[in-house]
Amino acid sequence: MPTEGDLTTRKLIIFAALVLALLGTASAANYMYEKASVKGVGYKNVEMIVSTQEGFNGDKLVEKESGSGNVITERTELEAERQLNNDGSPIGATKIGPNTWIAGCYFATGYNPRDYINFTKEAEFEYMPVSYQTGTYDQKWIEKLCVQNYAIGAVLTEMYTHAEHLQKNTEVKTRSYGLDATTILNGVRVVPACCTGVLEANLNSNVIGVAHIGWISRDPNVNVKGRHNEWGRSVEDLTGVFSIEKFIQLWGNSTCGAISVDWLPCV
C-alpha cells in the first residue's frame, strides 16, 4: 500500500509536469502596438526599442526623444510583429517536406509570413527652459530614429539635435521575409518572387537646429574577405533653418510589389 508520503510525492510530480507543459506552450508577446498623443509644457524624455529577431537578424527600430519646452503636438503609432522563427520558418508551422509547411497560425497580414515594423510620428516642439520643484530643465530638443532591416542590409537614420524648433512628420515601414521563393505553405507559394525585404520612409520636417539624415545599403552576405559589400549610401547634414522632404525606398529588388508608405504627402 502506498504511504501518505508517496501520494504527496506523486501529486508534486504531476503538478510539476503540468507547470512544465504550460510553460512549454507559452510564447512571447510577438505582436506589439502602441498609440500615443502628448501635449504640454515641461521636460520630456522618451526611448522606444523594438526588435523582431535576436542578434544581427530581422528588423529593428530605436527611437529617442528628449528636450524641454512646449510640446505643441505629438502623435505616435507603432505596430510590430514577429511572425518568423530564428531559422526563418513561420511561427507555429509544421514542416511536412522539403520547403513545404502546414501553417499553425493564420496571421492578419495574410499568407506571406514576415517580420515587420510600422512607425509613424507627427510632432512639433519649441525649446525653452522650464523650472519645477524637481529642478530646472534646459535642453534643446533631440530626436533620433534608426531603423534596420538585416534581411536586405538596409539602415535608415533620421536625427535632429540642438533644435530650437522642430516640426516633423515621419512614416517608416520595414518588413523581412524569412523563407525563399520556393517555399509552399498550405499549398500556396508564400513569398513574393525574389523579394527578401523592404524598408521605406517618407520624411517631412522643418527644423531650426542640426539635422542628419542618411541611409546605407549593404550586401547581407559576406564577400571572400569576410566583409559586407556596400552598394549605396546617402548622408545629409544640415545646420541652420531648413525645410526637408525625403522619400526613401530600399528594397531587396524591384519585385516587392506596391509602395507601402504615403508617396503623396501634403506640402
C-alpha atoms as a PDB file:
ATOM      1  CA  MET A   1       0.000   0.000   0.000  1.00  0.00           C
ATOM      2  CA  PRO A   2       1.344   3.484  -0.862  1.00  0.00           C
ATOM      3  CA  THR A   3       2.045   5.667   2.108  1.00  0.00           C
ATOM      4  CA  GLU A   4       0.858   9.235   2.553  1.00  0.00           C
ATOM      5  CA  GLY A   5       4.370  10.433   1.680  1.00  0.00           C
ATOM      6  CA  ASP A   6       4.289   8.507  -1.610  1.00  0.00           C
ATOM      7  CA  LEU A   7       0.937  10.077  -2.546  1.00  0.00           C
ATOM      8  CA  THR A   8       2.278  13.544  -1.772  1.00  0.00           C
ATOM      9  CA  THR A   9       5.349  12.913  -3.918  1.00  0.00           C
ATOM     10  CA  ARG A  10       3.176  11.741  -6.823  1.00  0.00           C
ATOM     11  CA  LYS A  11       0.998  14.840  -6.538  1.00  0.00           C
ATOM     12  CA  LEU A  12       4.069  17.068  -6.638  1.00  0.00           C
ATOM     13  CA  ILE A  13       5.416  15.244  -9.708  1.00  0.00           C
ATOM     14  CA  ILE A  14       2.066  15.622 -11.525  1.00  0.00           C
ATOM     15  CA  PHE A  15       1.882  19.310 -10.581  1.00  0.00           C
ATOM     16  CA  ALA A  16       5.426  19.905 -11.827  1.00  0.00           C
ATOM     17  CA  ALA A  17       4.609  18.157 -15.115  1.00  0.00           C
ATOM     18  CA  LEU A  18       1.551  20.392 -15.599  1.00  0.00           C
ATOM     19  CA  VAL A  19       3.607  23.524 -14.906  1.00  0.00           C
ATOM     20  CA  LEU A  20       6.250  22.467 -17.427  1.00  0.00           C
ATOM     21  CA  ALA A  21       3.556  21.733 -20.007  1.00  0.00           C
ATOM     22  CA  LEU A  22       2.031  25.185 -19.520  1.00  0.00           C
ATOM     23  CA  LEU A  23       5.419  26.869 -19.747  1.00  0.00           C
ATOM     24  CA  GLY A  24       6.181  24.955 -22.919  1.00  0.00           C
ATOM     25  CA  THR A  25       3.070  26.320 -24.642  1.00  0.00           C
ATOM     26  CA  ALA A  26       3.747  29.909 -23.596  1.00  0.00           C
ATOM     27  CA  SER A  27       5.261  32.374 -26.045  1.00  0.00           C
ATOM     28  CA  ALA A  28       6.479  35.950 -26.075  1.00  0.00           C
ATOM     29  CA  ALA A  29       4.341  38.957 -26.983  1.00  0.00           C
ATOM     30  CA  ASN A  30       5.199  38.725 -30.686  1.00  0.00           C
ATOM     31  CA  TYR A  31       2.662  41.420 -31.648  1.00  0.00           C
ATOM     32  CA  MET A  32       3.326  44.942 -30.330  1.00  0.00           C
ATOM     33  CA  TYR A  33       1.165  48.025 -30.766  1.00  0.00           C
ATOM     34  CA  GLU A  34       1.292  51.472 -29.178  1.00  0.00           C
ATOM     35  CA  LYS A  35      -0.574  54.663 -29.974  1.00  0.00           C
ATOM     36  CA  ALA A  36       0.116  57.856 -28.035  1.00  0.00           C
ATOM     37  CA  SER A  37      -0.773  61.543 -28.071  1.00  0.00           C
ATOM     38  CA  VAL A  38       1.062  64.072 -25.891  1.00  0.00           C
ATOM     39  CA  LYS A  39       0.727  67.852 -25.437  1.00  0.00           C
ATOM     40  CA  GLY A  40       2.080  70.122 -22.733  1.00  0.00           C
ATOM     41  CA  VAL A  41       4.951  72.200 -21.360  1.00  0.00           C
ATOM     42  CA  GLY A  42       7.922  70.813 -19.463  1.00  0.00           C
ATOM     43  CA  TYR A  43      10.711  68.289 -19.882  1.00  0.00           C
ATOM     44  CA  LYS A  44      10.244  65.150 -21.968  1.00  0.00           C
ATOM     45  CA  ASN A  45      12.451  62.082 -22.329  1.00  0.00           C
ATOM     46  CA  VAL A  46      11.289  59.027 -24.312  1.00  0.00           C
ATOM     47  CA  GLU A  47      13.010  55.885 -25.583  1.00  0.00           C
ATOM     48  CA  MET A  48      11.498  53.120 -27.719  1.00  0.00           C
ATOM     49  CA  ILE A  49      13.334  49.931 -28.790  1.00  0.00           C
ATOM     50  CA  VAL A  50      11.785  47.185 -30.953  1.00  0.00           C
ATOM     51  CA  SER A  51      13.418  44.061 -32.389  1.00  0.00           C
ATOM     52  CA  THR A  52      11.832  41.140 -34.249  1.00  0.00           C
ATOM     53  CA  GLN A  53      14.826  38.779 -34.023  1.00  0.00           C
ATOM     54  CA  GLU A  54      17.866  38.392 -31.817  1.00  0.00           C
ATOM     55  CA  GLY A  55      21.339  39.428 -32.896  1.00  0.00           C
ATOM     56  CA  PHE A  56      22.051  40.652 -36.418  1.00  0.00           C
ATOM     57  CA  ASN A  57      18.765  39.413 -37.845  1.00  0.00           C
ATOM     58  CA  GLY A  58      15.240  40.639 -38.538  1.00  0.00           C
ATOM     59  CA  ASP A  59      14.011  44.221 -38.239  1.00  0.00           C
ATOM     60  CA  LYS A  60      14.943  46.706 -35.524  1.00  0.00           C
ATOM     61  CA  LEU A  61      13.843  50.215 -34.523  1.00  0.00           C
ATOM     62  CA  VAL A  62      15.310  52.594 -31.944  1.00  0.00           C
ATOM     63  CA  GLU A  63      13.732  55.997 -31.254  1.00  0.00           C
ATOM     64  CA  LYS A  64      14.893  58.525 -28.664  1.00  0.00           C
ATOM     65  CA  GLU A  65      13.495  61.957 -27.889  1.00  0.00           C
ATOM     66  CA  SER A  66      14.285  64.491 -25.181  1.00  0.00           C
ATOM     67  CA  GLY A  67      14.109  68.201 -24.555  1.00  0.00           C
ATOM     68  CA  SER A  68      12.462  70.977 -22.577  1.00  0.00           C
ATOM     69  CA  GLY A  69       9.821  73.455 -23.637  1.00  0.00           C
ATOM     70  CA  ASN A  70       6.494  73.349 -25.411  1.00  0.00           C
ATOM     71  CA  VAL A  71       5.218  70.085 -26.855  1.00  0.00           C
ATOM     72  CA  ILE A  72       2.719  71.625 -29.261  1.00  0.00           C
ATOM     73  CA  THR A  73       1.619  68.250 -30.589  1.00  0.00           C
ATOM     74  CA  GLU A  74       2.937  64.715 -30.683  1.00  0.00           C
ATOM     75  CA  ARG A  75       1.124  61.717 -32.119  1.00  0.00           C
ATOM     76  CA  THR A  76       2.954  58.410 -32.382  1.00  0.00           C
ATOM     77  CA  GLU A  77       1.817  54.999 -33.626  1.00  0.00           C
ATOM     78  CA  LEU A  78       3.887  51.819 -33.622  1.00  0.00           C
ATOM     79  CA  GLU A  79       2.915  48.363 -34.877  1.00  0.00           C
ATOM     80  CA  ALA A  80       5.356  45.452 -34.987  1.00  0.00           C
ATOM     81  CA  GLU A  81       5.047  41.697 -35.253  1.00  0.00           C
ATOM     82  CA  ARG A  82       7.373  38.729 -35.214  1.00  0.00           C
ATOM     83  CA  GLN A  83       5.878  36.024 -37.443  1.00  0.00           C
ATOM     84  CA  LEU A  84       9.113  34.106 -38.086  1.00  0.00           C
ATOM     85  CA  ASN A  85      11.285  31.820 -36.005  1.00  0.00           C
ATOM     86  CA  ASN A  86      15.026  32.387 -35.863  1.00  0.00           C
ATOM     87  CA  ASP A  87      15.538  29.962 -38.771  1.00  0.00           C
ATOM     88  CA  GLY A  88      13.064  31.886 -40.958  1.00  0.00           C
ATOM     89  CA  SER A  89      10.230  29.384 -40.690  1.00  0.00           C
ATOM     90  CA  PRO A  90       6.714  30.647 -39.812  1.00  0.00           C
ATOM     91  CA  ILE A  91       5.858  30.571 -36.114  1.00  0.00           C
ATOM     92  CA  GLY A  92       3.572  27.630 -35.380  1.00  0.00           C
ATOM     93  CA  ALA A  93       4.109  25.951 -38.772  1.00  0.00           C
ATOM     94  CA  THR A  94       4.866  22.239 -39.216  1.00  0.00           C
ATOM     95  CA  LYS A  95       7.308  21.061 -41.865  1.00  0.00           C
ATOM     96  CA  ILE A  96       5.946  18.124 -43.890  1.00  0.00           C
ATOM     97  CA  GLY A  97       8.514  18.030 -46.698  1.00  0.00           C
ATOM     98  CA  PRO A  98      11.307  19.923 -48.448  1.00  0.00           C
ATOM     99  CA  ASN A  99      10.293  23.613 -48.456  1.00  0.00           C
ATOM    100  CA  THR A 100       6.722  22.565 -47.616  1.00  0.00           C
ATOM    101  CA  TRP A 101       4.899  23.613 -44.468  1.00  0.00           C
ATOM    102  CA  ILE A 102       1.448  23.499 -42.874  1.00  0.00           C
ATOM    103  CA  ALA A 103       0.546  26.727 -41.087  1.00  0.00           C
ATOM    104  CA  GLY A 104      -0.307  26.609 -37.414  1.00  0.00           C
ATOM    105  CA  CYS A 105      -1.059  30.344 -37.170  1.00  0.00           C
ATOM    106  CA  TYR A 106      -3.097  32.449 -39.586  1.00  0.00           C
ATOM    107  CA  PHE A 107      -1.761  35.991 -39.407  1.00  0.00           C
ATOM    108  CA  ALA A 108      -3.847  39.062 -40.183  1.00  0.00           C
ATOM    109  CA  THR A 109      -1.278  40.096 -42.808  1.00  0.00           C
ATOM    110  CA  GLY A 110      -2.183  37.092 -44.983  1.00  0.00           C
ATOM    111  CA  TYR A 111      -0.344  34.106 -46.417  1.00  0.00           C
ATOM    112  CA  ASN A 112       3.091  35.752 -46.549  1.00  0.00           C
ATOM    113  CA  PRO A 113       4.691  35.280 -43.083  1.00  0.00           C
ATOM    114  CA  ARG A 114       7.054  38.139 -42.286  1.00  0.00           C
ATOM    115  CA  ASP A 115       8.619  40.243 -39.580  1.00  0.00           C
ATOM    116  CA  TYR A 116       7.553  43.865 -39.819  1.00  0.00           C
ATOM    117  CA  ILE A 117       7.652  47.242 -38.075  1.00  0.00           C
ATOM    118  CA  ASN A 118       5.367  50.162 -38.982  1.00  0.00           C
ATOM    119  CA  PHE A 119       6.108  53.519 -37.346  1.00  0.00           C
ATOM    120  CA  THR A 120       4.506  56.939 -37.808  1.00  0.00           C
ATOM    121  CA  LYS A 121       5.114  60.139 -35.870  1.00  0.00           C
ATOM    122  CA  GLU A 122       3.789  63.665 -36.179  1.00  0.00           C
ATOM    123  CA  ALA A 123       5.300  66.148 -33.747  1.00  0.00           C
ATOM    124  CA  GLU A 124       6.111  69.813 -33.139  1.00  0.00           C
ATOM    125  CA  PHE A 125       8.406  71.065 -30.368  1.00  0.00           C
ATOM    126  CA  GLU A 126       9.605  74.503 -29.211  1.00  0.00           C
ATOM    127  CA  TYR A 127      12.577  74.873 -26.912  1.00  0.00           C
ATOM    128  CA  MET A 128      12.571  76.919 -23.706  1.00  0.00           C
ATOM    129  CA  PRO A 129      13.940  76.382 -20.192  1.00  0.00           C
ATOM    130  CA  VAL A 130      11.416  75.226 -17.588  1.00  0.00           C
ATOM    131  CA  SER A 131      11.570  75.097 -13.795  1.00  0.00           C
ATOM    132  CA  TYR A 132       9.639  72.925 -11.373  1.00  0.00           C
ATOM    133  CA  GLN A 133      10.062  71.794  -7.779  1.00  0.00           C
ATOM    134  CA  THR A 134      12.205  68.901  -9.043  1.00  0.00           C
ATOM    135  CA  GLY A 135      14.672  71.289 -10.674  1.00  0.00           C
ATOM    136  CA  THR A 136      15.410  73.343 -13.765  1.00  0.00           C
ATOM    137  CA  TYR A 137      15.440  71.728 -17.197  1.00  0.00           C
ATOM    138  CA  ASP A 138      17.284  73.446 -20.015  1.00  0.00           C
ATOM    139  CA  GLN A 139      17.844  71.218 -23.043  1.00  0.00           C
ATOM    140  CA  LYS A 140      17.267  71.870 -26.711  1.00  0.00           C
ATOM    141  CA  TRP A 141      15.325  69.155 -28.466  1.00  0.00           C
ATOM    142  CA  ILE A 142      16.937  65.913 -29.587  1.00  0.00           C
ATOM    143  CA  GLU A 143      15.075  63.491 -31.853  1.00  0.00           C
ATOM    144  CA  LYS A 144      16.782  60.307 -33.110  1.00  0.00           C
ATOM    145  CA  LEU A 145      15.381  57.435 -35.176  1.00  0.00           C
ATOM    146  CA  CYS A 146      17.266  54.413 -36.519  1.00  0.00           C
ATOM    147  CA  VAL A 147      15.584  51.571 -38.443  1.00  0.00           C
ATOM    148  CA  GLN A 148      17.471  48.447 -39.586  1.00  0.00           C
ATOM    149  CA  ASN A 149      16.486  45.588 -41.898  1.00  0.00           C
ATOM    150  CA  TYR A 150      19.105  42.848 -41.768  1.00  0.00           C
ATOM    151  CA  ALA A 151      17.402  40.722 -44.434  1.00  0.00           C
ATOM    152  CA  ILE A 152      18.328  43.277 -47.109  1.00  0.00           C
ATOM    153  CA  GLY A 153      21.234  45.008 -45.333  1.00  0.00           C
ATOM    154  CA  ALA A 154      19.451  48.377 -45.167  1.00  0.00           C
ATOM    155  CA  VAL A 155      19.509  51.035 -42.456  1.00  0.00           C
ATOM    156  CA  LEU A 156      17.846  54.456 -42.154  1.00  0.00           C
ATOM    157  CA  THR A 157      18.772  57.255 -39.747  1.00  0.00           C
ATOM    158  CA  GLU A 158      16.813  60.456 -39.062  1.00  0.00           C
ATOM    159  CA  MET A 159      18.302  62.671 -36.362  1.00  0.00           C
ATOM    160  CA  TYR A 160      17.790  66.225 -35.098  1.00  0.00           C
ATOM    161  CA  THR A 161      19.865  67.836 -32.344  1.00  0.00           C
ATOM    162  CA  HIS A 162      20.194  71.309 -30.750  1.00  0.00           C
ATOM    163  CA  ALA A 163      16.705  72.049 -32.102  1.00  0.00           C
ATOM    164  CA  GLU A 164      15.067  75.287 -31.006  1.00  0.00           C
ATOM    165  CA  HIS A 165      12.039  74.423 -33.118  1.00  0.00           C
ATOM    166  CA  LEU A 166      11.187  71.122 -34.767  1.00  0.00           C
ATOM    167  CA  GLN A 167       8.129  70.164 -36.762  1.00  0.00           C
ATOM    168  CA  LYS A 168       8.215  66.705 -38.336  1.00  0.00           C
ATOM    169  CA  ASN A 169       6.070  64.038 -39.922  1.00  0.00           C
ATOM    170  CA  THR A 170       7.749  60.649 -40.275  1.00  0.00           C
ATOM    171  CA  GLU A 171       6.401  57.391 -41.693  1.00  0.00           C
ATOM    172  CA  VAL A 172       8.620  54.291 -41.826  1.00  0.00           C
ATOM    173  CA  LYS A 173       7.743  50.716 -42.754  1.00  0.00           C
ATOM    174  CA  THR A 174      10.099  47.763 -42.834  1.00  0.00           C
ATOM    175  CA  ARG A 175       9.450  44.058 -43.344  1.00  0.00           C
ATOM    176  CA  SER A 176      11.535  40.958 -44.000  1.00  0.00           C
ATOM    177  CA  TYR A 177      10.674  37.507 -45.310  1.00  0.00           C
ATOM    178  CA  GLY A 178      12.432  34.523 -43.809  1.00  0.00           C
ATOM    179  CA  LEU A 179      11.759  31.852 -46.446  1.00  0.00           C
ATOM    180  CA  ASP A 180      12.793  31.761 -50.082  1.00  0.00           C
ATOM    181  CA  ALA A 181      10.533  31.969 -53.130  1.00  0.00           C
ATOM    182  CA  THR A 182      10.235  28.163 -53.453  1.00  0.00           C
ATOM    183  CA  THR A 183       8.506  27.726 -50.103  1.00  0.00           C
ATOM    184  CA  ILE A 184       4.984  26.278 -50.092  1.00  0.00           C
ATOM    185  CA  LEU A 185       2.681  26.984 -47.118  1.00  0.00           C
ATOM    186  CA  ASN A 186      -0.707  25.244 -47.188  1.00  0.00           C
ATOM    187  CA  GLY A 187      -0.306  24.722 -50.928  1.00  0.00           C
ATOM    188  CA  VAL A 188       0.392  28.418 -51.608  1.00  0.00           C
ATOM    189  CA  ARG A 189       3.734  29.922 -52.663  1.00  0.00           C
ATOM    190  CA  VAL A 190       4.060  32.350 -49.771  1.00  0.00           C
ATOM    191  CA  VAL A 191       6.970  34.673 -50.558  1.00  0.00           C
ATOM    192  CA  PRO A 192       6.863  37.224 -53.404  1.00  0.00           C
ATOM    193  CA  ALA A 193       9.276  36.008 -56.069  1.00  0.00           C
ATOM    194  CA  CYS A 194      12.831  37.067 -55.205  1.00  0.00           C
ATOM    195  CA  CYS A 195      11.715  39.658 -52.609  1.00  0.00           C
ATOM    196  CA  THR A 196      13.618  39.324 -49.347  1.00  0.00           C
ATOM    197  CA  GLY A 197      12.617  42.534 -47.608  1.00  0.00           C
ATOM    198  CA  VAL A 198      11.584  46.185 -47.758  1.00  0.00           C
ATOM    199  CA  LEU A 199      12.488  49.419 -45.955  1.00  0.00           C
ATOM    200  CA  GLU A 200      10.565  52.558 -46.954  1.00  0.00           C
ATOM    201  CA  ALA A 201      10.381  56.009 -45.408  1.00  0.00           C
ATOM    202  CA  ASN A 202       8.631  59.309 -46.031  1.00  0.00           C
ATOM    203  CA  LEU A 203      10.225  62.198 -44.111  1.00  0.00           C
ATOM    204  CA  ASN A 204       8.947  65.784 -43.884  1.00  0.00           C
ATOM    205  CA  SER A 205      10.348  68.281 -41.386  1.00  0.00           C
ATOM    206  CA  ASN A 206      11.014  71.931 -40.577  1.00  0.00           C
ATOM    207  CA  VAL A 207      13.887  72.465 -38.178  1.00  0.00           C
ATOM    208  CA  ILE A 208      15.858  75.246 -36.536  1.00  0.00           C
ATOM    209  CA  GLY A 209      18.940  73.376 -35.397  1.00  0.00           C
ATOM    210  CA  VAL A 210      21.023  70.470 -36.677  1.00  0.00           C
ATOM    211  CA  ALA A 211      19.685  67.694 -38.915  1.00  0.00           C
ATOM    212  CA  HIS A 212      21.285  64.432 -40.044  1.00  0.00           C
ATOM    213  CA  ILE A 213      19.511  62.065 -42.471  1.00  0.00           C
ATOM    214  CA  GLY A 214      21.096  59.078 -44.144  1.00  0.00           C
ATOM    215  CA  TRP A 215      20.735  55.526 -45.393  1.00  0.00           C
ATOM    216  CA  ILE A 216      23.057  52.639 -46.274  1.00  0.00           C
ATOM    217  CA  SER A 217      22.562  49.528 -48.406  1.00  0.00           C
ATOM    218  CA  ARG A 218      24.969  46.633 -47.817  1.00  0.00           C
ATOM    219  CA  ASP A 219      25.028  43.040 -49.014  1.00  0.00           C
ATOM    220  CA  PRO A 220      23.710  40.725 -46.254  1.00  0.00           C
ATOM    221  CA  ASN A 221      26.194  38.076 -47.445  1.00  0.00           C
ATOM    222  CA  VAL A 222      29.920  38.462 -46.871  1.00  0.00           C
ATOM    223  CA  ASN A 223      32.497  38.550 -49.655  1.00  0.00           C
ATOM    224  CA  VAL A 224      35.615  36.377 -49.872  1.00  0.00           C
ATOM    225  CA  LYS A 225      37.332  38.649 -47.332  1.00  0.00           C
ATOM    226  CA  GLY A 226      34.507  38.296 -44.809  1.00  0.00           C
ATOM    227  CA  ARG A 227      33.193  41.823 -45.294  1.00  0.00           C
ATOM    228  CA  HIS A 228      29.831  43.117 -46.484  1.00  0.00           C
ATOM    229  CA  ASN A 229      29.959  44.964 -49.803  1.00  0.00           C
ATOM    230  CA  GLU A 230      28.345  48.408 -49.744  1.00  0.00           C
ATOM    231  CA  TRP A 231      26.026  49.087 -52.666  1.00  0.00           C
ATOM    232  CA  GLY A 232      24.750  52.529 -51.777  1.00  0.00           C
ATOM    233  CA  ARG A 233      24.928  55.346 -49.237  1.00  0.00           C
ATOM    234  CA  SER A 234      23.366  58.775 -48.754  1.00  0.00           C
ATOM    235  CA  VAL A 235      24.261  61.138 -45.904  1.00  0.00           C
ATOM    236  CA  GLU A 236      22.994  64.701 -45.463  1.00  0.00           C
ATOM    237  CA  ASP A 237      23.984  67.057 -42.633  1.00  0.00           C
ATOM    238  CA  LEU A 238      22.281  70.432 -42.188  1.00  0.00           C
ATOM    239  CA  THR A 239      22.800  73.216 -39.638  1.00  0.00           C
ATOM    240  CA  GLY A 240      20.519  76.238 -39.548  1.00  0.00           C
ATOM    241  CA  VAL A 241      16.926  76.734 -40.664  1.00  0.00           C
ATOM    242  CA  PHE A 242      15.728  74.104 -43.138  1.00  0.00           C
ATOM    243  CA  SER A 243      12.639  72.504 -44.636  1.00  0.00           C
ATOM    244  CA  ILE A 244      13.251  68.852 -45.546  1.00  0.00           C
ATOM    245  CA  GLU A 245      11.274  66.409 -47.675  1.00  0.00           C
ATOM    246  CA  LYS A 246      12.599  62.932 -48.443  1.00  0.00           C
ATOM    247  CA  PHE A 247      11.198  59.680 -49.777  1.00  0.00           C
ATOM    248  CA  ILE A 248      13.482  56.663 -49.341  1.00  0.00           C
ATOM    249  CA  GLN A 249      12.842  53.248 -50.880  1.00  0.00           C
ATOM    250  CA  LEU A 250      15.208  50.351 -50.124  1.00  0.00           C
ATOM    251  CA  TRP A 251      14.035  47.002 -51.491  1.00  0.00           C
ATOM    252  CA  GLY A 252      15.606  43.591 -51.813  1.00  0.00           C
ATOM    253  CA  ASN A 253      14.856  44.086 -55.519  1.00  0.00           C
ATOM    254  CA  SER A 254      12.127  45.541 -57.738  1.00  0.00           C
ATOM    255  CA  THR A 255       9.718  42.588 -57.315  1.00  0.00           C
ATOM    256  CA  CYS A 256       8.389  43.572 -53.859  1.00  0.00           C
ATOM    257  CA  GLY A 257       5.041  44.978 -55.058  1.00  0.00           C
ATOM    258  CA  ALA A 258       3.425  48.316 -54.281  1.00  0.00           C
ATOM    259  CA  ILE A 259       4.946  51.076 -52.142  1.00  0.00           C
ATOM    260  CA  SER A 260       3.548  50.826 -48.605  1.00  0.00           C
ATOM    261  CA  VAL A 261       4.172  54.381 -47.294  1.00  0.00           C
ATOM    262  CA  ASP A 262       2.295  57.512 -48.330  1.00  0.00           C
ATOM    263  CA  TRP A 263       4.011  58.647 -51.542  1.00  0.00           C
ATOM    264  CA  LEU A 264       1.711  61.687 -51.954  1.00  0.00           C
ATOM    265  CA  PRO A 265       2.004  63.715 -48.713  1.00  0.00           C
ATOM    266  CA  CYS A 266       0.623  67.170 -48.039  1.00  0.00           C
ATOM    267  CA  VAL A 267       3.008  70.066 -48.782  1.00  0.00           C
END
